[in-house]
Amino acid sequence: MQRLWFITNPGSGSASEEKCEALEALFGERGLQLGGRTRFPDEDLPQPGTLDSAGIDTVVLFAGDGTINAAACALADWRGDLLILPGGTMNLLAKLLHGEAEPADIIHAAHQGAERIALPYVEAGQHRAFVGLILGPAASWVRAREAARAGKLRQMLRAARGAWGRTFGQGLRLRGLAGLPRRVQAVFVQAVGGRLRIAAIDARDWGSILALGWEFLTGDWVNAAAVTEIKAPELRTAERRPVLALFDGEPVMIEPDLVIRAGETRPQFLKTA
């Protein structure tokens, strides 16, 4: 870890420009060379060839889980390392790799010596989720959540009303998974040990629905209701139309016959915890 490329997202939860500048100053204090800088999404993510030409050995990501997901997918075949700093709202991937450490402490620890590890992911076509994949009507709450983060009250209420109606609808049908309810309001999928861990929520009463929406706006929606959990090698929906999915919080429409399965990266992520 000597020559860095710094990727930030000023729109993420805590990656302000002031904090970015402080981290750049810290790079200099530790004798680390900054070979390039990307402010995503206003600027395109660097390509592996660009990083190699600049002599970069480590990409430092200071952003939320969605930006980190985009960069990790774009650089999946790059030979260098990725150092993830907590610059978003939930920072689930950063916590997995570094615990509750602050960005400056993570940089110090990584420069002294970090473990290089592979990460499991949920894969559906060209899309990957390192933290988790959310399917079902509950995914529509993402629009209300983003409006709430932006402080747009009217937009948040309008999106919440739409999500409420979808959540009270018929629910999502899944194919070939014994042990789960016939229709569910939300499915949370993670990759564990080469298989999928599937947690399904079937919330039908007013209290559970309200808790589901509120928890998605403020925290971890899986805590909102009783969960049925199974493990399976793959997953498909039984819907006739495309389904809204959230890959690490980023919305994507996926086709109903698309196979969802587990995969693993090469050892590319630096871990200090």
C-alpha atoms as a PDB file:
ATOM      1  CA  MET A   1       0.000   0.000   0.000  1.00  0.00           C
ATOM      2  CA  GLN A   2       2.071   2.879  -1.356  1.00  0.00           C
ATOM      3  CA  ARG A   3       0.416   4.536  -4.352  1.00  0.00           C
ATOM      4  CA  LEU A   4      -3.319   5.212  -4.051  1.00  0.00           C
ATOM      5  CA  TRP A   5      -6.352   6.148  -6.116  1.00  0.00           C
ATOM      6  CA  PHE A   6      -8.997   7.856  -3.965  1.00  0.00           C
ATOM      7  CA  ILE A   7     -12.693   7.322  -4.843  1.00  0.00           C
ATOM      8  CA  THR A   8     -15.278   9.342  -2.938  1.00  0.00           C
ATOM      9  CA  ASN A   9     -18.964  10.164  -3.160  1.00  0.00           C
ATOM     10  CA  PRO A  10     -19.759  13.578  -1.628  1.00  0.00           C
ATOM     11  CA  GLY A  11     -23.443  12.621  -1.692  1.00  0.00           C
ATOM     12  CA  SER A  12     -22.922   9.665   0.638  1.00  0.00           C
ATOM     13  CA  GLY A  13     -23.908   9.792   4.275  1.00  0.00           C
ATOM     14  CA  SER A  14     -20.665  11.057   5.831  1.00  0.00           C
ATOM     15  CA  ALA A  15     -18.142  11.559   3.012  1.00  0.00           C
ATOM     16  CA  SER A  16     -18.122  15.355   3.104  1.00  0.00           C
ATOM     17  CA  GLU A  17     -15.544  17.302   1.108  1.00  0.00           C
ATOM     18  CA  GLU A  18     -13.906  18.454   4.348  1.00  0.00           C
ATOM     19  CA  LYS A  19     -13.420  14.865   5.505  1.00  0.00           C
ATOM     20  CA  CYS A  20     -12.081  13.875   2.093  1.00  0.00           C
ATOM     21  CA  GLU A  21      -9.491  16.650   2.254  1.00  0.00           C
ATOM     22  CA  ALA A  22      -8.485  15.553   5.778  1.00  0.00           C
ATOM     23  CA  LEU A  23      -7.927  12.002   4.551  1.00  0.00           C
ATOM     24  CA  GLU A  24      -5.833  13.248   1.629  1.00  0.00           C
ATOM     25  CA  ALA A  25      -3.685  15.146   4.124  1.00  0.00           C
ATOM     26  CA  LEU A  26      -3.348  11.953   6.153  1.00  0.00           C
ATOM     27  CA  PHE A  27      -2.102  10.092   3.084  1.00  0.00           C
ATOM     28  CA  GLY A  28       0.681  12.651   2.776  1.00  0.00           C
ATOM     29  CA  GLU A  29       1.570  12.406   6.473  1.00  0.00           C
ATOM     30  CA  ARG A  30       2.093   8.669   6.154  1.00  0.00           C
ATOM     31  CA  GLY A  31       4.158   8.996   2.968  1.00  0.00           C
ATOM     32  CA  LEU A  32       1.450   7.548   0.736  1.00  0.00           C
ATOM     33  CA  GLN A  33       1.325   8.870  -2.835  1.00  0.00           C
ATOM     34  CA  LEU A  34      -2.023   9.922  -4.293  1.00  0.00           C
ATOM     35  CA  GLY A  35      -1.967   8.936  -7.958  1.00  0.00           C
ATOM     36  CA  GLY A  36      -5.548   9.859  -8.823  1.00  0.00           C
ATOM     37  CA  ARG A  37      -8.929  10.983  -7.486  1.00  0.00           C
ATOM     38  CA  THR A  38     -12.520  10.239  -8.572  1.00  0.00           C
ATOM     39  CA  ARG A  39     -15.628  12.011  -7.295  1.00  0.00           C
ATOM     40  CA  PHE A  40     -18.373   9.527  -8.100  1.00  0.00           C
ATOM     41  CA  PRO A  41     -20.947   9.693  -9.691  1.00  0.00           C
ATOM     42  CA  ASP A  42     -20.032  13.050 -11.287  1.00  0.00           C
ATOM     43  CA  GLU A  43     -16.850  11.423 -12.589  1.00  0.00           C
ATOM     44  CA  ASP A  44     -16.555   7.958 -14.112  1.00  0.00           C
ATOM     45  CA  LEU A  45     -14.932   5.182 -12.125  1.00  0.00           C
ATOM     46  CA  PRO A  46     -11.324   4.450 -13.177  1.00  0.00           C
ATOM     47  CA  GLN A  47     -10.700   1.467 -15.439  1.00  0.00           C
ATOM     48  CA  PRO A  48      -8.134  -1.225 -14.507  1.00  0.00           C
ATOM     49  CA  GLY A  49      -5.868  -0.094 -17.347  1.00  0.00           C
ATOM     50  CA  THR A  50      -5.917   3.485 -16.049  1.00  0.00           C
ATOM     51  CA  LEU A  51      -4.928   2.323 -12.573  1.00  0.00           C
ATOM     52  CA  ASP A  52      -2.109   0.139 -13.898  1.00  0.00           C
ATOM     53  CA  SER A  53      -0.765   2.953 -16.072  1.00  0.00           C
ATOM     54  CA  ALA A  54      -0.677   5.230 -13.023  1.00  0.00           C
ATOM     55  CA  GLY A  55       1.163   2.595 -10.968  1.00  0.00           C
ATOM     56  CA  ILE A  56      -1.673   2.269  -8.440  1.00  0.00           C
ATOM     57  CA  ASP A  57      -1.508  -0.605  -5.966  1.00  0.00           C
ATOM     58  CA  THR A  58      -4.521   0.294  -3.782  1.00  0.00           C
ATOM     59  CA  VAL A  59      -7.885   1.952  -4.427  1.00  0.00           C
ATOM     60  CA  VAL A  60      -9.274   3.670  -1.323  1.00  0.00           C
ATOM     61  CA  LEU A  61     -13.076   3.937  -1.268  1.00  0.00           C
ATOM     62  CA  PHE A  62     -14.660   6.548   1.011  1.00  0.00           C
ATOM     63  CA  ALA A  63     -18.371   6.270   0.260  1.00  0.00           C
ATOM     64  CA  GLY A  64     -21.563   4.355   0.994  1.00  0.00           C
ATOM     65  CA  ASP A  65     -22.315   0.708   0.255  1.00  0.00           C
ATOM     66  CA  GLY A  66     -23.889   1.499  -3.141  1.00  0.00           C
ATOM     67  CA  THR A  67     -20.824   3.346  -4.467  1.00  0.00           C
ATOM     68  CA  ILE A  68     -18.530   0.683  -3.042  1.00  0.00           C
ATOM     69  CA  ASN A  69     -20.592  -1.963  -4.831  1.00  0.00           C
ATOM     70  CA  ALA A  70     -20.256  -0.144  -8.163  1.00  0.00           C
ATOM     71  CA  ALA A  71     -16.492   0.230  -7.780  1.00  0.00           C
ATOM     72  CA  ALA A  72     -15.934  -3.345  -6.602  1.00  0.00           C
ATOM     73  CA  CYS A  73     -17.863  -4.692  -9.603  1.00  0.00           C
ATOM     74  CA  ALA A  74     -15.987  -2.433 -12.022  1.00  0.00           C
ATOM     75  CA  LEU A  75     -12.614  -3.479 -10.587  1.00  0.00           C
ATOM     76  CA  ALA A  76     -13.376  -7.173 -10.032  1.00  0.00           C
ATOM     77  CA  ASP A  77     -10.588  -8.243 -12.430  1.00  0.00           C
ATOM     78  CA  TRP A  78      -8.056  -5.591 -11.414  1.00  0.00           C
ATOM     79  CA  ARG A  79      -4.852  -6.923  -9.814  1.00  0.00           C
ATOM     80  CA  GLY A  80      -4.656  -4.314  -7.031  1.00  0.00           C
ATOM     81  CA  ASP A  81      -6.329  -4.059  -3.617  1.00  0.00           C
ATOM     82  CA  LEU A  82      -9.413  -2.261  -2.329  1.00  0.00           C
ATOM     83  CA  LEU A  83      -9.475  -0.446   1.017  1.00  0.00           C
ATOM     84  CA  ILE A  84     -12.998   0.443   2.130  1.00  0.00           C
ATOM     85  CA  LEU A  85     -13.615   3.315   4.545  1.00  0.00           C
ATOM     86  CA  PRO A  86     -16.970   4.068   6.232  1.00  0.00           C
ATOM     87  CA  GLY A  87     -18.333   7.030   4.275  1.00  0.00           C
ATOM     88  CA  GLY A  88     -22.028   6.185   4.001  1.00  0.00           C
ATOM     89  CA  THR A  89     -25.006   5.812   6.313  1.00  0.00           C
ATOM     90  CA  MET A  90     -24.968   2.163   7.390  1.00  0.00           C
ATOM     91  CA  ASN A  91     -21.400   1.231   6.288  1.00  0.00           C
ATOM     92  CA  LEU A  92     -22.109  -2.485   6.578  1.00  0.00           C
ATOM     93  CA  LEU A  93     -19.206  -3.618   4.422  1.00  0.00           C
ATOM     94  CA  ALA A  94     -16.721  -1.323   6.187  1.00  0.00           C
ATOM     95  CA  LYS A  95     -17.876  -2.692   9.560  1.00  0.00           C
ATOM     96  CA  LEU A  96     -17.383  -6.249   8.314  1.00  0.00           C
ATOM     97  CA  LEU A  97     -13.780  -5.484   7.340  1.00  0.00           C
ATOM     98  CA  HIS A  98     -12.747  -3.026  10.061  1.00  0.00           C
ATOM     99  CA  GLY A  99     -15.255  -3.194  12.916  1.00  0.00           C
ATOM    100  CA  GLU A 100     -16.229   0.219  14.292  1.00  0.00           C
ATOM    101  CA  ALA A 101     -12.873   1.867  13.474  1.00  0.00           C
ATOM    102  CA  GLU A 102     -12.782   5.421  12.113  1.00  0.00           C
ATOM    103  CA  PRO A 103     -11.370   6.133   8.616  1.00  0.00           C
ATOM    104  CA  ALA A 104      -8.087   7.579   9.892  1.00  0.00           C
ATOM    105  CA  ASP A 105      -7.493   4.572  12.145  1.00  0.00           C
ATOM    106  CA  ILE A 106      -8.248   2.183   9.280  1.00  0.00           C
ATOM    107  CA  ILE A 107      -5.679   3.911   7.064  1.00  0.00           C
ATOM    108  CA  HIS A 108      -3.033   3.691   9.803  1.00  0.00           C
ATOM    109  CA  ALA A 109      -3.745  -0.008  10.368  1.00  0.00           C
ATOM    110  CA  ALA A 110      -3.838  -0.852   6.660  1.00  0.00           C
ATOM    111  CA  HIS A 111      -0.531   0.926   6.018  1.00  0.00           C
ATOM    112  CA  GLN A 112       1.116  -1.042   8.805  1.00  0.00           C
ATOM    113  CA  GLY A 113      -0.197  -4.304   7.387  1.00  0.00           C
ATOM    114  CA  ALA A 114      -3.646  -5.653   6.541  1.00  0.00           C
ATOM    115  CA  GLU A 115      -5.025  -9.063   5.690  1.00  0.00           C
ATOM    116  CA  ARG A 116      -6.081  -9.536   2.065  1.00  0.00           C
ATOM    117  CA  ILE A 117      -9.367 -11.472   1.862  1.00  0.00           C
ATOM    118  CA  ALA A 118     -12.018 -12.593  -0.632  1.00  0.00           C
ATOM    119  CA  LEU A 119     -15.654 -11.629  -0.107  1.00  0.00           C
ATOM    120  CA  PRO A 120     -18.780 -13.667  -0.879  1.00  0.00           C
ATOM    121  CA  TYR A 121     -21.492 -12.038  -2.945  1.00  0.00           C
ATOM    122  CA  VAL A 122     -25.003 -12.632  -4.258  1.00  0.00           C
ATOM    123  CA  GLU A 123     -25.009 -12.599  -8.056  1.00  0.00           C
ATOM    124  CA  ALA A 124     -27.883 -12.030 -10.483  1.00  0.00           C
ATOM    125  CA  GLY A 125     -26.717 -11.535 -14.045  1.00  0.00           C
ATOM    126  CA  GLN A 126     -24.201  -8.682 -14.107  1.00  0.00           C
ATOM    127  CA  HIS A 127     -25.240  -7.421 -10.674  1.00  0.00           C
ATOM    128  CA  ARG A 128     -23.653  -8.324  -7.344  1.00  0.00           C
ATOM    129  CA  ALA A 129     -24.525  -7.664  -3.709  1.00  0.00           C
ATOM    130  CA  PHE A 130     -21.705  -7.874  -1.172  1.00  0.00           C
ATOM    131  CA  VAL A 131     -23.808  -6.824   1.823  1.00  0.00           C
ATOM    132  CA  GLY A 132     -27.134  -8.261   0.723  1.00  0.00           C
ATOM    133  CA  LEU A 133     -29.926  -8.381  -1.833  1.00  0.00           C
ATOM    134  CA  ILE A 134     -33.491  -7.275  -1.049  1.00  0.00           C
ATOM    135  CA  LEU A 135     -36.441  -8.463  -3.127  1.00  0.00           C
ATOM    136  CA  GLY A 136     -40.176  -7.934  -2.846  1.00  0.00           C
ATOM    137  CA  PRO A 137     -42.603  -5.069  -2.206  1.00  0.00           C
ATOM    138  CA  ALA A 138     -40.465  -3.824   0.691  1.00  0.00           C
ATOM    139  CA  ALA A 139     -37.780  -2.845  -1.834  1.00  0.00           C
ATOM    140  CA  SER A 140     -40.052  -0.025  -3.017  1.00  0.00           C
ATOM    141  CA  TRP A 141     -39.403   1.769   0.290  1.00  0.00           C
ATOM    142  CA  VAL A 142     -35.982   2.707  -1.096  1.00  0.00           C
ATOM    143  CA  ARG A 143     -37.504   5.755  -2.798  1.00  0.00           C
ATOM    144  CA  ALA A 144     -38.934   7.001   0.484  1.00  0.00           C
ATOM    145  CA  ARG A 145     -35.634   6.345   2.227  1.00  0.00           C
ATOM    146  CA  GLU A 146     -33.617   8.344  -0.295  1.00  0.00           C
ATOM    147  CA  ALA A 147     -36.088  11.230  -0.100  1.00  0.00           C
ATOM    148  CA  ALA A 148     -35.835  11.171   3.701  1.00  0.00           C
ATOM    149  CA  ARG A 149     -32.033  11.311   3.515  1.00  0.00           C
ATOM    150  CA  ALA A 150     -32.278  14.285   1.148  1.00  0.00           C
ATOM    151  CA  GLY A 151     -34.695  16.073   3.494  1.00  0.00           C
ATOM    152  CA  LYS A 152     -37.504  16.108   0.885  1.00  0.00           C
ATOM    153  CA  LEU A 153     -40.534  15.600   3.122  1.00  0.00           C
ATOM    154  CA  ARG A 154     -43.258  15.783   0.458  1.00  0.00           C
ATOM    155  CA  GLN A 155     -41.421  13.413  -1.851  1.00  0.00           C
ATOM    156  CA  MET A 156     -40.807  11.042   1.050  1.00  0.00           C
ATOM    157  CA  LEU A 157     -44.512  10.967   1.993  1.00  0.00           C
ATOM    158  CA  ARG A 158     -45.563  10.412  -1.622  1.00  0.00           C
ATOM    159  CA  ALA A 159     -43.077   7.556  -2.017  1.00  0.00           C
ATOM    160  CA  ALA A 160     -44.085   6.081   1.349  1.00  0.00           C
ATOM    161  CA  ARG A 161     -47.743   5.994   0.302  1.00  0.00           C
ATOM    162  CA  GLY A 162     -46.814   4.122  -2.863  1.00  0.00           C
ATOM    163  CA  ALA A 163     -44.601   1.674  -0.973  1.00  0.00           C
ATOM    164  CA  TRP A 164     -47.355   1.161   1.611  1.00  0.00           C
ATOM    165  CA  GLY A 165     -49.810   0.147  -1.114  1.00  0.00           C
ATOM    166  CA  ARG A 166     -47.355  -2.282  -2.698  1.00  0.00           C
ATOM    167  CA  THR A 167     -46.489  -3.818   0.666  1.00  0.00           C
ATOM    168  CA  PHE A 168     -50.184  -4.444   1.350  1.00  0.00           C
ATOM    169  CA  GLY A 169     -50.518  -6.103  -2.071  1.00  0.00           C
ATOM    170  CA  GLN A 170     -50.226  -9.739  -3.000  1.00  0.00           C
ATOM    171  CA  GLY A 171     -46.554 -10.035  -2.203  1.00  0.00           C
ATOM    172  CA  LEU A 172     -43.702 -11.751  -4.039  1.00  0.00           C
ATOM    173  CA  ARG A 173     -43.823 -15.371  -5.192  1.00  0.00           C
ATOM    174  CA  LEU A 174     -40.648 -17.451  -5.102  1.00  0.00           C
ATOM    175  CA  ARG A 175     -39.933 -20.598  -7.076  1.00  0.00           C
ATOM    176  CA  GLY A 176     -38.914 -24.000  -5.697  1.00  0.00           C
ATOM    177  CA  LEU A 177     -38.069 -23.019  -2.117  1.00  0.00           C
ATOM    178  CA  ALA A 178     -39.652 -25.321   0.452  1.00  0.00           C
ATOM    179  CA  GLY A 179     -40.174 -23.915   3.921  1.00  0.00           C
ATOM    180  CA  LEU A 180     -41.014 -20.330   2.936  1.00  0.00           C
ATOM    181  CA  PRO A 181     -44.470 -18.701   2.900  1.00  0.00           C
ATOM    182  CA  ARG A 182     -46.275 -18.819  -0.466  1.00  0.00           C
ATOM    183  CA  ARG A 183     -46.077 -15.036  -0.827  1.00  0.00           C
ATOM    184  CA  VAL A 184     -43.756 -12.692   1.048  1.00  0.00           C
ATOM    185  CA  GLN A 185     -43.413  -8.940   1.482  1.00  0.00           C
ATOM    186  CA  ALA A 186     -39.633  -8.938   1.668  1.00  0.00           C
ATOM    187  CA  VAL A 187     -36.726 -11.295   1.032  1.00  0.00           C
ATOM    188  CA  PHE A 188     -33.201 -10.588   2.251  1.00  0.00           C
ATOM    189  CA  VAL A 189     -30.491 -12.696   0.573  1.00  0.00           C
ATOM    190  CA  GLN A 190     -26.854 -13.103   1.593  1.00  0.00           C
ATOM    191  CA  ALA A 191     -24.066 -15.372   0.340  1.00  0.00           C
ATOM    192  CA  VAL A 192     -22.678 -17.670   3.035  1.00  0.00           C
ATOM    193  CA  GLY A 193     -20.380 -20.631   2.430  1.00  0.00           C
ATOM    194  CA  GLY A 194     -21.162 -20.896  -1.273  1.00  0.00           C
ATOM    195  CA  ARG A 195     -24.924 -20.950  -0.677  1.00  0.00           C
ATOM    196  CA  LEU A 196     -27.688 -18.379  -0.279  1.00  0.00           C
ATOM    197  CA  ARG A 197     -29.094 -17.528   3.123  1.00  0.00           C
ATOM    198  CA  ILE A 198     -32.655 -16.411   2.446  1.00  0.00           C
ATOM    199  CA  ALA A 199     -34.664 -14.553   5.103  1.00  0.00           C
ATOM    200  CA  ALA A 200     -38.311 -13.959   4.181  1.00  0.00           C
ATOM    201  CA  ILE A 201     -40.811 -11.659   5.885  1.00  0.00           C
ATOM    202  CA  ASP A 202     -44.559 -12.219   5.597  1.00  0.00           C
ATOM    203  CA  ALA A 203     -46.096  -9.155   7.277  1.00  0.00           C
ATOM    204  CA  ARG A 204     -49.881  -8.932   6.894  1.00  0.00           C
ATOM    205  CA  ASP A 205     -51.178  -7.013   9.913  1.00  0.00           C
ATOM    206  CA  TRP A 206     -51.101  -3.210  10.228  1.00  0.00           C
ATOM    207  CA  GLY A 207     -48.539  -3.200  13.023  1.00  0.00           C
ATOM    208  CA  SER A 208     -46.045  -5.368  11.148  1.00  0.00           C
ATOM    209  CA  ILE A 209     -46.468  -3.369   7.934  1.00  0.00           C
ATOM    210  CA  LEU A 210     -45.905  -0.076   9.733  1.00  0.00           C
ATOM    211  CA  ALA A 211     -42.851  -1.462  11.522  1.00  0.00           C
ATOM    212  CA  LEU A 212     -41.505  -2.802   8.224  1.00  0.00           C
ATOM    213  CA  GLY A 213     -41.708   0.599   6.556  1.00  0.00           C
ATOM    214  CA  TRP A 214     -40.318   2.476   9.533  1.00  0.00           C
ATOM    215  CA  GLU A 215     -37.383   0.110  10.030  1.00  0.00           C
ATOM    216  CA  PHE A 216     -36.483   0.391   6.343  1.00  0.00           C
ATOM    217  CA  LEU A 217     -36.445   4.179   6.638  1.00  0.00           C
ATOM    218  CA  THR A 218     -34.366   4.233   9.822  1.00  0.00           C
ATOM    219  CA  GLY A 219     -32.375   1.028  10.074  1.00  0.00           C
ATOM    220  CA  ASP A 220     -32.436  -2.714   9.462  1.00  0.00           C
ATOM    221  CA  TRP A 221     -35.865  -3.778   8.188  1.00  0.00           C
ATOM    222  CA  VAL A 222     -35.199  -7.455   9.016  1.00  0.00           C
ATOM    223  CA  ASN A 223     -35.841  -6.554  12.657  1.00  0.00           C
ATOM    224  CA  ALA A 224     -39.358  -5.378  11.849  1.00  0.00           C
ATOM    225  CA  ALA A 225     -41.188  -8.730  11.849  1.00  0.00           C
ATOM    226  CA  ALA A 226     -40.862 -12.492  12.308  1.00  0.00           C
ATOM    227  CA  VAL A 227     -38.463 -13.949   9.759  1.00  0.00           C
ATOM    228  CA  THR A 228     -38.484 -17.369   8.063  1.00  0.00           C
ATOM    229  CA  GLU A 229     -34.935 -18.325   7.126  1.00  0.00           C
ATOM    230  CA  ILE A 230     -33.600 -21.105   4.901  1.00  0.00           C
ATOM    231  CA  LYS A 231     -30.461 -21.878   2.872  1.00  0.00           C
ATOM    232  CA  ALA A 232     -30.527 -22.824  -0.808  1.00  0.00           C
ATOM    233  CA  PRO A 233     -28.070 -23.114  -3.740  1.00  0.00           C
ATOM    234  CA  GLU A 234     -30.056 -20.674  -5.899  1.00  0.00           C
ATOM    235  CA  LEU A 235     -33.174 -18.529  -6.071  1.00  0.00           C
ATOM    236  CA  ARG A 236     -35.659 -17.453  -8.749  1.00  0.00           C
ATOM    237  CA  THR A 237     -38.854 -15.461  -8.540  1.00  0.00           C
ATOM    238  CA  ALA A 238     -42.116 -16.896  -9.864  1.00  0.00           C
ATOM    239  CA  GLU A 239     -43.407 -13.558 -11.153  1.00  0.00           C
ATOM    240  CA  ARG A 240     -44.226 -12.907 -14.808  1.00  0.00           C
ATOM    241  CA  ARG A 241     -42.857  -9.382 -14.777  1.00  0.00           C
ATOM    242  CA  PRO A 242     -39.494  -7.888 -13.767  1.00  0.00           C
ATOM    243  CA  VAL A 243     -39.035  -7.455 -10.023  1.00  0.00           C
ATOM    244  CA  LEU A 244     -37.463  -4.539  -8.155  1.00  0.00           C
ATOM    245  CA  ALA A 245     -34.307  -5.610  -6.330  1.00  0.00           C
ATOM    246  CA  LEU A 246     -31.870  -3.699  -4.153  1.00  0.00           C
ATOM    247  CA  PHE A 247     -28.219  -4.676  -4.540  1.00  0.00           C
ATOM    248  CA  ASP A 248     -26.490  -3.192  -1.485  1.00  0.00           C
ATOM    249  CA  GLY A 249     -29.269  -0.617  -1.439  1.00  0.00           C
ATOM    250  CA  GLU A 250     -29.129   0.282  -5.151  1.00  0.00           C
ATOM    251  CA  PRO A 251     -32.360  -0.363  -7.119  1.00  0.00           C
ATOM    252  CA  VAL A 252     -32.295  -2.664 -10.169  1.00  0.00           C
ATOM    253  CA  MET A 253     -35.126  -4.346 -12.100  1.00  0.00           C
ATOM    254  CA  ILE A 254     -34.366  -8.052 -12.615  1.00  0.00           C
ATOM    255  CA  GLU A 255     -36.088 -10.500 -14.946  1.00  0.00           C
ATOM    256  CA  PRO A 256     -38.219 -13.231 -13.302  1.00  0.00           C
ATOM    257  CA  ASP A 257     -36.260 -16.162 -14.790  1.00  0.00           C
ATOM    258  CA  LEU A 258     -32.873 -14.772 -13.764  1.00  0.00           C
ATOM    259  CA  VAL A 259     -30.959 -17.202 -11.557  1.00  0.00           C
ATOM    260  CA  ILE A 260     -29.685 -15.737  -8.282  1.00  0.00           C
ATOM    261  CA  ARG A 261     -26.731 -17.617  -6.807  1.00  0.00           C
ATOM    262  CA  ALA A 262     -23.686 -17.179  -4.571  1.00  0.00           C
ATOM    263  CA  GLY A 263     -20.156 -16.335  -5.696  1.00  0.00           C
ATOM    264  CA  GLU A 264     -16.843 -15.131  -4.284  1.00  0.00           C
ATOM    265  CA  THR A 265     -14.303 -12.488  -5.273  1.00  0.00           C
ATOM    266  CA  ARG A 266     -10.584 -13.043  -5.503  1.00  0.00           C
ATOM    267  CA  PRO A 267      -8.556 -11.956  -2.412  1.00  0.00           C
ATOM    268  CA  GLN A 268      -8.736  -8.231  -3.098  1.00  0.00           C
ATOM    269  CA  PHE A 269     -10.219  -6.540  -0.006  1.00  0.00           C
ATOM    270  CA  LEU A 270      -8.009  -5.269   2.827  1.00  0.00           C
ATOM    271  CA  LYS A 271      -9.198  -6.242   6.307  1.00  0.00           C
ATOM    272  CA  THR A 272      -7.856  -4.652   9.495  1.00  0.00           C
ATOM    273  CA  ALA A 273     -10.296  -5.920  12.157  1.00  0.00           C
END
